[in-house]
Amino acid sequence: MIARDELYTLLDAIPEDRLPAIRETLEQLADPVTLALLAAPEDDEPLTDEDLAALAEARAERERGETTTLNEYMARRQARR
């Protein structure tokens, strides 16, 4: 088992410009919800005909420009406040 002192030594050896990525990774590892999602089994159910039809409809809407990206949605939401 690795001791915390060993982790501190490794952390001290990491270049400053890499610390934000390390912080993000450590925050994810400390979050029980993120850990549960990472440990969850892959969805292995086959797609139904209804699923395939919904995916085809969504792709067609995107190709016609009828969809909104998350960034666009968030920008509009911020503008309303």
PDB file of N, CA and C in Angstrom:
ATOM      1  N   MET A   1       0.855  -1.178   0.000  1.00  0.00           N
ATOM      2  CA  MET A   1       0.000   0.000   0.000  1.00  0.00           C
ATOM      3  C   MET A   1       0.898   1.238   0.000  1.00  0.00           C
ATOM      4  N   ILE A   2       0.518   2.215  -0.788  1.00  0.00           N
ATOM      5  CA  ILE A   2       1.311   3.444  -0.893  1.00  0.00           C
ATOM      6  C   ILE A   2       0.980   4.366   0.277  1.00  0.00           C
ATOM      7  N   ALA A   3       2.003   4.949   0.835  1.00  0.00           N
ATOM      8  CA  ALA A   3       1.822   5.874   1.958  1.00  0.00           C
ATOM      9  C   ALA A   3       1.597   7.286   1.420  1.00  0.00           C
ATOM     10  N   ARG A   4       0.912   8.095   2.197  1.00  0.00           N
ATOM     11  CA  ARG A   4       0.660   9.480   1.786  1.00  0.00           C
ATOM     12  C   ARG A   4       1.967  10.237   1.565  1.00  0.00           C
ATOM     13  N   ASP A   5       2.986   9.916   2.361  1.00  0.00           N
ATOM     14  CA  ASP A   5       4.277  10.587   2.185  1.00  0.00           C
ATOM     15  C   ASP A   5       4.834  10.352   0.783  1.00  0.00           C
ATOM     16  N   GLU A   6       4.619   9.151   0.250  1.00  0.00           N
ATOM     17  CA  GLU A   6       5.077   8.856  -1.107  1.00  0.00           C
ATOM     18  C   GLU A   6       4.335   9.714  -2.127  1.00  0.00           C
ATOM     19  N   LEU A   7       3.048   9.910  -1.893  1.00  0.00           N
ATOM     20  CA  LEU A   7       2.267  10.754  -2.800  1.00  0.00           C
ATOM     21  C   LEU A   7       2.718  12.207  -2.737  1.00  0.00           C
ATOM     22  N   TYR A   8       3.023  12.687  -1.547  1.00  0.00           N
ATOM     23  CA  TYR A   8       3.531  14.056  -1.409  1.00  0.00           C
ATOM     24  C   TYR A   8       4.842  14.212  -2.164  1.00  0.00           C
ATOM     25  N   THR A   9       5.693  13.209  -2.103  1.00  0.00           N
ATOM     26  CA  THR A   9       6.975  13.253  -2.821  1.00  0.00           C
ATOM     27  C   THR A   9       6.730  13.315  -4.323  1.00  0.00           C
ATOM     28  N   LEU A  10       5.796  12.494  -4.807  1.00  0.00           N
ATOM     29  CA  LEU A  10       5.461  12.529  -6.230  1.00  0.00           C
ATOM     30  C   LEU A  10       4.874  13.880  -6.625  1.00  0.00           C
ATOM     31  N   LEU A  11       4.003  14.401  -5.796  1.00  0.00           N
ATOM     32  CA  LEU A  11       3.384  15.696  -6.077  1.00  0.00           C
ATOM     33  C   LEU A  11       4.430  16.800  -6.169  1.00  0.00           C
ATOM     34  N   ASP A  12       5.412  16.767  -5.280  1.00  0.00           N
ATOM     35  CA  ASP A  12       6.476  17.772  -5.309  1.00  0.00           C
ATOM     36  C   ASP A  12       7.303  17.695  -6.586  1.00  0.00           C
ATOM     37  N   ALA A  13       7.336  16.529  -7.239  1.00  0.00           N
ATOM     38  CA  ALA A  13       8.130  16.352  -8.452  1.00  0.00           C
ATOM     39  C   ALA A  13       7.383  16.768  -9.717  1.00  0.00           C
ATOM     40  N   ILE A  14       6.107  17.042  -9.607  1.00  0.00           N
ATOM     41  CA  ILE A  14       5.304  17.395 -10.779  1.00  0.00           C
ATOM     42  C   ILE A  14       5.534  18.864 -11.135  1.00  0.00           C
ATOM     43  N   PRO A  15       5.788  19.158 -12.418  1.00  0.00           N
ATOM     44  CA  PRO A  15       5.972  20.555 -12.838  1.00  0.00           C
ATOM     45  C   PRO A  15       4.725  21.395 -12.567  1.00  0.00           C
ATOM     46  N   GLU A  16       4.934  22.657 -12.267  1.00  0.00           N
ATOM     47  CA  GLU A  16       3.844  23.579 -11.921  1.00  0.00           C
ATOM     48  C   GLU A  16       2.740  23.606 -12.975  1.00  0.00           C
ATOM     49  N   ASP A  17       3.111  23.540 -14.250  1.00  0.00           N
ATOM     50  CA  ASP A  17       2.100  23.654 -15.301  1.00  0.00           C
ATOM     51  C   ASP A  17       1.197  22.422 -15.380  1.00  0.00           C
ATOM     52  N   ARG A  18       1.553  21.327 -14.733  1.00  0.00           N
ATOM     53  CA  ARG A  18       0.742  20.115 -14.734  1.00  0.00           C
ATOM     54  C   ARG A  18      -0.183  20.033 -13.524  1.00  0.00           C
ATOM     55  N   LEU A  19       0.009  20.925 -12.554  1.00  0.00           N
ATOM     56  CA  LEU A  19      -0.764  20.854 -11.309  1.00  0.00           C
ATOM     57  C   LEU A  19      -2.268  20.999 -11.509  1.00  0.00           C
ATOM     58  N   PRO A  20      -2.747  21.861 -12.413  1.00  0.00           N
ATOM     59  CA  PRO A  20      -4.204  21.926 -12.600  1.00  0.00           C
ATOM     60  C   PRO A  20      -4.811  20.581 -13.024  1.00  0.00           C
ATOM     61  N   ALA A  21      -4.133  19.862 -13.892  1.00  0.00           N
ATOM     62  CA  ALA A  21      -4.637  18.556 -14.327  1.00  0.00           C
ATOM     63  C   ALA A  21      -4.613  17.563 -13.173  1.00  0.00           C
ATOM     64  N   ILE A  22      -3.575  17.624 -12.356  1.00  0.00           N
ATOM     65  CA  ILE A  22      -3.475  16.732 -11.207  1.00  0.00           C
ATOM     66  C   ILE A  22      -4.591  17.043 -10.212  1.00  0.00           C
ATOM     67  N   ARG A  23      -4.830  18.328 -10.000  1.00  0.00           N
ATOM     68  CA  ARG A  23      -5.900  18.718  -9.065  1.00  0.00           C
ATOM     69  C   ARG A  23      -7.247  18.193  -9.538  1.00  0.00           C
ATOM     70  N   GLU A  24      -7.523  18.361 -10.828  1.00  0.00           N
ATOM     71  CA  GLU A  24      -8.793  17.901 -11.379  1.00  0.00           C
ATOM     72  C   GLU A  24      -8.940  16.383 -11.197  1.00  0.00           C
ATOM     73  N   THR A  25      -7.878  15.659 -11.454  1.00  0.00           N
ATOM     74  CA  THR A  25      -7.913  14.207 -11.296  1.00  0.00           C
ATOM     75  C   THR A  25      -8.154  13.814  -9.845  1.00  0.00           C
ATOM     76  N   LEU A  26      -7.454  14.469  -8.928  1.00  0.00           N
ATOM     77  CA  LEU A  26      -7.629  14.162  -7.510  1.00  0.00           C
ATOM     78  C   LEU A  26      -9.038  14.501  -7.032  1.00  0.00           C
ATOM     79  N   GLU A  27      -9.592  15.611  -7.523  1.00  0.00           N
ATOM     80  CA  GLU A  27     -10.963  15.967  -7.147  1.00  0.00           C
ATOM     81  C   GLU A  27     -11.942  14.903  -7.618  1.00  0.00           C
ATOM     82  N   GLN A  28     -11.722  14.377  -8.820  1.00  0.00           N
ATOM     83  CA  GLN A  28     -12.601  13.330  -9.330  1.00  0.00           C
ATOM     84  C   GLN A  28     -12.471  12.059  -8.504  1.00  0.00           C
ATOM     85  N   LEU A  29     -11.249  11.726  -8.120  1.00  0.00           N
ATOM     86  CA  LEU A  29     -11.032  10.518  -7.324  1.00  0.00           C
ATOM     87  C   LEU A  29     -11.609  10.642  -5.921  1.00  0.00           C
ATOM     88  N   ALA A  30     -11.756  11.866  -5.440  1.00  0.00           N
ATOM     89  CA  ALA A  30     -12.301  12.086  -4.101  1.00  0.00           C
ATOM     90  C   ALA A  30     -13.829  12.176  -4.105  1.00  0.00           C
ATOM     91  N   ASP A  31     -14.426  12.291  -5.282  1.00  0.00           N
ATOM     92  CA  ASP A  31     -15.876  12.451  -5.400  1.00  0.00           C
ATOM     93  C   ASP A  31     -16.548  11.076  -5.505  1.00  0.00           C
ATOM     94  N   PRO A  32     -17.379  10.709  -4.538  1.00  0.00           N
ATOM     95  CA  PRO A  32     -18.003   9.381  -4.582  1.00  0.00           C
ATOM     96  C   PRO A  32     -18.920   9.173  -5.786  1.00  0.00           C
ATOM     97  N   VAL A  33     -19.545  10.226  -6.267  1.00  0.00           N
ATOM     98  CA  VAL A  33     -20.431  10.084  -7.426  1.00  0.00           C
ATOM     99  C   VAL A  33     -19.606   9.771  -8.670  1.00  0.00           C
ATOM    100  N   THR A  34     -18.510  10.513  -8.851  1.00  0.00           N
ATOM    101  CA  THR A  34     -17.638  10.254  -9.996  1.00  0.00           C
ATOM    102  C   THR A  34     -17.078   8.836  -9.930  1.00  0.00           C
ATOM    103  N   LEU A  35     -16.660   8.419  -8.751  1.00  0.00           N
ATOM    104  CA  LEU A  35     -16.126   7.065  -8.595  1.00  0.00           C
ATOM    105  C   LEU A  35     -17.182   6.017  -8.938  1.00  0.00           C
ATOM    106  N   ALA A  36     -18.411   6.258  -8.533  1.00  0.00           N
ATOM    107  CA  ALA A  36     -19.485   5.313  -8.845  1.00  0.00           C
ATOM    108  C   ALA A  36     -19.721   5.232 -10.351  1.00  0.00           C
ATOM    109  N   LEU A  37     -19.688   6.381 -11.019  1.00  0.00           N
ATOM    110  CA  LEU A  37     -19.867   6.389 -12.470  1.00  0.00           C
ATOM    111  C   LEU A  37     -18.726   5.669 -13.176  1.00  0.00           C
ATOM    112  N   LEU A  38     -17.505   5.891 -12.710  1.00  0.00           N
ATOM    113  CA  LEU A  38     -16.353   5.229 -13.317  1.00  0.00           C
ATOM    114  C   LEU A  38     -16.391   3.721 -13.108  1.00  0.00           C
ATOM    115  N   ALA A  39     -16.953   3.283 -11.989  1.00  0.00           N
ATOM    116  CA  ALA A  39     -17.004   1.858 -11.672  1.00  0.00           C
ATOM    117  C   ALA A  39     -18.239   1.170 -12.258  1.00  0.00           C
ATOM    118  N   ALA A  40     -19.172   1.943 -12.767  1.00  0.00           N
ATOM    119  CA  ALA A  40     -20.412   1.365 -13.287  1.00  0.00           C
ATOM    120  C   ALA A  40     -20.121   0.533 -14.531  1.00  0.00           C
ATOM    121  N   PRO A  41     -20.812  -0.582 -14.678  1.00  0.00           N
ATOM    122  CA  PRO A  41     -20.602  -1.403 -15.876  1.00  0.00           C
ATOM    123  C   PRO A  41     -21.104  -0.682 -17.119  1.00  0.00           C
ATOM    124  N   GLU A  42     -20.490  -1.003 -18.229  1.00  0.00           N
ATOM    125  CA  GLU A  42     -20.904  -0.422 -19.508  1.00  0.00           C
ATOM    126  C   GLU A  42     -22.300  -0.922 -19.854  1.00  0.00           C
ATOM    127  N   ASP A  43     -23.109  -0.048 -20.414  1.00  0.00           N
ATOM    128  CA  ASP A  43     -24.458  -0.428 -20.825  1.00  0.00           C
ATOM    129  C   ASP A  43     -24.337  -1.391 -22.004  1.00  0.00           C
ATOM    130  N   ASP A  44     -24.774  -2.605 -21.808  1.00  0.00           N
ATOM    131  CA  ASP A  44     -24.619  -3.605 -22.858  1.00  0.00           C
ATOM    132  C   ASP A  44     -25.956  -4.061 -23.450  1.00  0.00           C
ATOM    133  N   GLU A  45     -27.012  -3.298 -23.159  1.00  0.00           N
ATOM    134  CA  GLU A  45     -28.306  -3.654 -23.742  1.00  0.00           C
ATOM    135  C   GLU A  45     -28.315  -3.274 -25.214  1.00  0.00           C
ATOM    136  N   PRO A  46     -28.849  -4.128 -26.049  1.00  0.00           N
ATOM    137  CA  PRO A  46     -28.917  -3.792 -27.475  1.00  0.00           C
ATOM    138  C   PRO A  46     -29.916  -2.655 -27.703  1.00  0.00           C
ATOM    139  N   LEU A  47     -29.651  -1.885 -28.732  1.00  0.00           N
ATOM    140  CA  LEU A  47     -30.566  -0.804 -29.086  1.00  0.00           C
ATOM    141  C   LEU A  47     -31.828  -1.382 -29.710  1.00  0.00           C
ATOM    142  N   THR A  48     -32.955  -0.837 -29.299  1.00  0.00           N
ATOM    143  CA  THR A  48     -34.232  -1.281 -29.865  1.00  0.00           C
ATOM    144  C   THR A  48     -34.494  -0.510 -31.154  1.00  0.00           C
ATOM    145  N   ASP A  49     -35.487  -0.943 -31.889  1.00  0.00           N
ATOM    146  CA  ASP A  49     -35.885  -0.214 -33.103  1.00  0.00           C
ATOM    147  C   ASP A  49     -36.294   1.211 -32.749  1.00  0.00           C
ATOM    148  N   GLU A  50     -36.962   1.367 -31.603  1.00  0.00           N
ATOM    149  CA  GLU A  50     -37.373   2.700 -31.142  1.00  0.00           C
ATOM    150  C   GLU A  50     -36.147   3.564 -30.843  1.00  0.00           C
ATOM    151  N   ASP A  51     -35.125   2.983 -30.205  1.00  0.00           N
ATOM    152  CA  ASP A  51     -33.881   3.713 -29.931  1.00  0.00           C
ATOM    153  C   ASP A  51     -33.229   4.173 -31.234  1.00  0.00           C
ATOM    154  N   LEU A  52     -33.132   3.253 -32.184  1.00  0.00           N
ATOM    155  CA  LEU A  52     -32.499   3.576 -33.465  1.00  0.00           C
ATOM    156  C   LEU A  52     -33.259   4.674 -34.199  1.00  0.00           C
ATOM    157  N   ALA A  53     -34.589   4.643 -34.141  1.00  0.00           N
ATOM    158  CA  ALA A  53     -35.400   5.677 -34.781  1.00  0.00           C
ATOM    159  C   ALA A  53     -35.167   7.027 -34.111  1.00  0.00           C
ATOM    160  N   ALA A  54     -35.089   7.039 -32.786  1.00  0.00           N
ATOM    161  CA  ALA A  54     -34.847   8.289 -32.063  1.00  0.00           C
ATOM    162  C   ALA A  54     -33.471   8.849 -32.392  1.00  0.00           C
ATOM    163  N   LEU A  55     -32.476   7.989 -32.495  1.00  0.00           N
ATOM    164  CA  LEU A  55     -31.135   8.455 -32.866  1.00  0.00           C
ATOM    165  C   LEU A  55     -31.118   9.031 -34.277  1.00  0.00           C
ATOM    166  N   ALA A  56     -31.800   8.373 -35.193  1.00  0.00           N
ATOM    167  CA  ALA A  56     -31.867   8.869 -36.571  1.00  0.00           C
ATOM    168  C   ALA A  56     -32.559  10.228 -36.618  1.00  0.00           C
ATOM    169  N   GLU A  57     -33.631  10.386 -35.851  1.00  0.00           N
ATOM    170  CA  GLU A  57     -34.343  11.665 -35.801  1.00  0.00           C
ATOM    171  C   GLU A  57     -33.443  12.764 -35.233  1.00  0.00           C
ATOM    172  N   ALA A  58     -32.704  12.442 -34.181  1.00  0.00           N
ATOM    173  CA  ALA A  58     -31.817  13.429 -33.570  1.00  0.00           C
ATOM    174  C   ALA A  58     -30.713  13.851 -34.540  1.00  0.00           C
ATOM    175  N   ARG A  59     -30.154  12.890 -35.255  1.00  0.00           N
ATOM    176  CA  ARG A  59     -29.110  13.226 -36.244  1.00  0.00           C
ATOM    177  C   ARG A  59     -29.677  14.122 -37.345  1.00  0.00           C
ATOM    178  N   ALA A  60     -30.875  13.824 -37.800  1.00  0.00           N
ATOM    179  CA  ALA A  60     -31.501  14.635 -38.849  1.00  0.00           C
ATOM    180  C   ALA A  60     -31.757  16.051 -38.341  1.00  0.00           C
ATOM    181  N   GLU A  61     -32.210  16.191 -37.096  1.00  0.00           N
ATOM    182  CA  GLU A  61     -32.428  17.521 -36.523  1.00  0.00           C
ATOM    183  C   GLU A  61     -31.116  18.298 -36.447  1.00  0.00           C
ATOM    184  N   ARG A  62     -30.040  17.613 -36.059  1.00  0.00           N
ATOM    185  CA  ARG A  62     -28.742  18.289 -35.981  1.00  0.00           C
ATOM    186  C   ARG A  62     -28.291  18.745 -37.367  1.00  0.00           C
ATOM    187  N   GLU A  63     -28.457  17.886 -38.363  1.00  0.00           N
ATOM    188  CA  GLU A  63     -28.057  18.236 -39.728  1.00  0.00           C
ATOM    189  C   GLU A  63     -28.865  19.412 -40.273  1.00  0.00           C
ATOM    190  N   ARG A  64     -30.120  19.544 -39.842  1.00  0.00           N
ATOM    191  CA  ARG A  64     -30.961  20.664 -40.282  1.00  0.00           C
ATOM    192  C   ARG A  64     -30.718  21.929 -39.456  1.00  0.00           C
ATOM    193  N   GLY A  65     -29.846  21.832 -38.461  1.00  0.00           N
ATOM    194  CA  GLY A  65     -29.541  22.995 -37.629  1.00  0.00           C
ATOM    195  C   GLY A  65     -30.618  23.306 -36.612  1.00  0.00           C
ATOM    196  N   GLU A  66     -31.395  22.332 -36.238  1.00  0.00           N
ATOM    197  CA  GLU A  66     -32.502  22.537 -35.303  1.00  0.00           C
ATOM    198  C   GLU A  66     -32.116  22.272 -33.850  1.00  0.00           C
ATOM    199  N   THR A  67     -30.862  22.031 -33.596  1.00  0.00           N
ATOM    200  CA  THR A  67     -30.420  21.725 -32.236  1.00  0.00           C
ATOM    201  C   THR A  67     -29.611  22.883 -31.663  1.00  0.00           C
ATOM    202  N   THR A  68     -29.384  22.840 -30.381  1.00  0.00           N
ATOM    203  CA  THR A  68     -28.614  23.854 -29.676  1.00  0.00           C
ATOM    204  C   THR A  68     -27.487  23.159 -28.910  1.00  0.00           C
ATOM    205  N   THR A  69     -26.287  23.698 -28.999  1.00  0.00           N
ATOM    206  CA  THR A  69     -25.186  23.125 -28.236  1.00  0.00           C
ATOM    207  C   THR A  69     -25.338  23.518 -26.771  1.00  0.00           C
ATOM    208  N   LEU A  70     -24.661  22.793 -25.908  1.00  0.00           N
ATOM    209  CA  LEU A  70     -24.696  23.124 -24.486  1.00  0.00           C
ATOM    210  C   LEU A  70     -24.152  24.535 -24.262  1.00  0.00           C
ATOM    211  N   ASN A  71     -23.092  24.903 -24.965  1.00  0.00           N
ATOM    212  CA  ASN A  71     -22.520  26.245 -24.809  1.00  0.00           C
ATOM    213  C   ASN A  71     -23.515  27.327 -25.212  1.00  0.00           C
ATOM    214  N   GLU A  72     -24.253  27.100 -26.298  1.00  0.00           N
ATOM    215  CA  GLU A  72     -25.264  28.070 -26.724  1.00  0.00           C
ATOM    216  C   GLU A  72     -26.379  28.185 -25.683  1.00  0.00           C
ATOM    217  N   TYR A  73     -26.810  27.051 -25.181  1.00  0.00           N
ATOM    218  CA  TYR A  73     -27.853  27.048 -24.161  1.00  0.00           C
ATOM    219  C   TYR A  73     -27.397  27.806 -22.918  1.00  0.00           C
ATOM    220  N   MET A  74     -26.179  27.523 -22.456  1.00  0.00           N
ATOM    221  CA  MET A  74     -25.668  28.173 -21.254  1.00  0.00           C
ATOM    222  C   MET A  74     -25.529  29.684 -21.463  1.00  0.00           C
ATOM    223  N   ALA A  75     -25.107  30.107 -22.649  1.00  0.00           N
ATOM    224  CA  ALA A  75     -24.974  31.533 -22.946  1.00  0.00           C
ATOM    225  C   ALA A  75     -26.337  32.218 -22.898  1.00  0.00           C
ATOM    226  N   ARG A  76     -27.359  31.585 -23.485  1.00  0.00           N
ATOM    227  CA  ARG A  76     -28.706  32.170 -23.444  1.00  0.00           C
ATOM    228  C   ARG A  76     -29.234  32.211 -22.031  1.00  0.00           C
ATOM    229  N   ARG A  77     -28.958  31.181 -21.265  1.00  0.00           N
ATOM    230  CA  ARG A  77     -29.415  31.140 -19.875  1.00  0.00           C
ATOM    231  C   ARG A  77     -28.768  32.255 -19.049  1.00  0.00           C
ATOM    232  N   GLN A  78     -27.481  32.475 -19.267  1.00  0.00           N
ATOM    233  CA  GLN A  78     -26.775  33.554 -18.547  1.00  0.00           C
ATOM    234  C   GLN A  78     -27.316  34.917 -18.961  1.00  0.00           C
ATOM    235  N   ALA A  79     -27.670  35.072 -20.232  1.00  0.00           N
ATOM    236  CA  ALA A  79     -28.176  36.360 -20.718  1.00  0.00           C
ATOM    237  C   ALA A  79     -29.528  36.713 -20.099  1.00  0.00           C
ATOM    238  N   ARG A  80     -30.301  35.710 -19.726  1.00  0.00           N
ATOM    239  CA  ARG A  80     -31.621  35.956 -19.124  1.00  0.00           C
ATOM    240  C   ARG A  80     -31.529  36.452 -17.690  1.00  0.00           C
ATOM    241  N   ARG A  81     -30.400  36.202 -17.056  1.00  0.00           N
ATOM    242  CA  ARG A  81     -30.261  36.577 -15.638  1.00  0.00           C
ATOM    243  C   ARG A  81     -29.946  38.016 -15.454  1.00  0.00           C
TER     244      ARG A  81
END
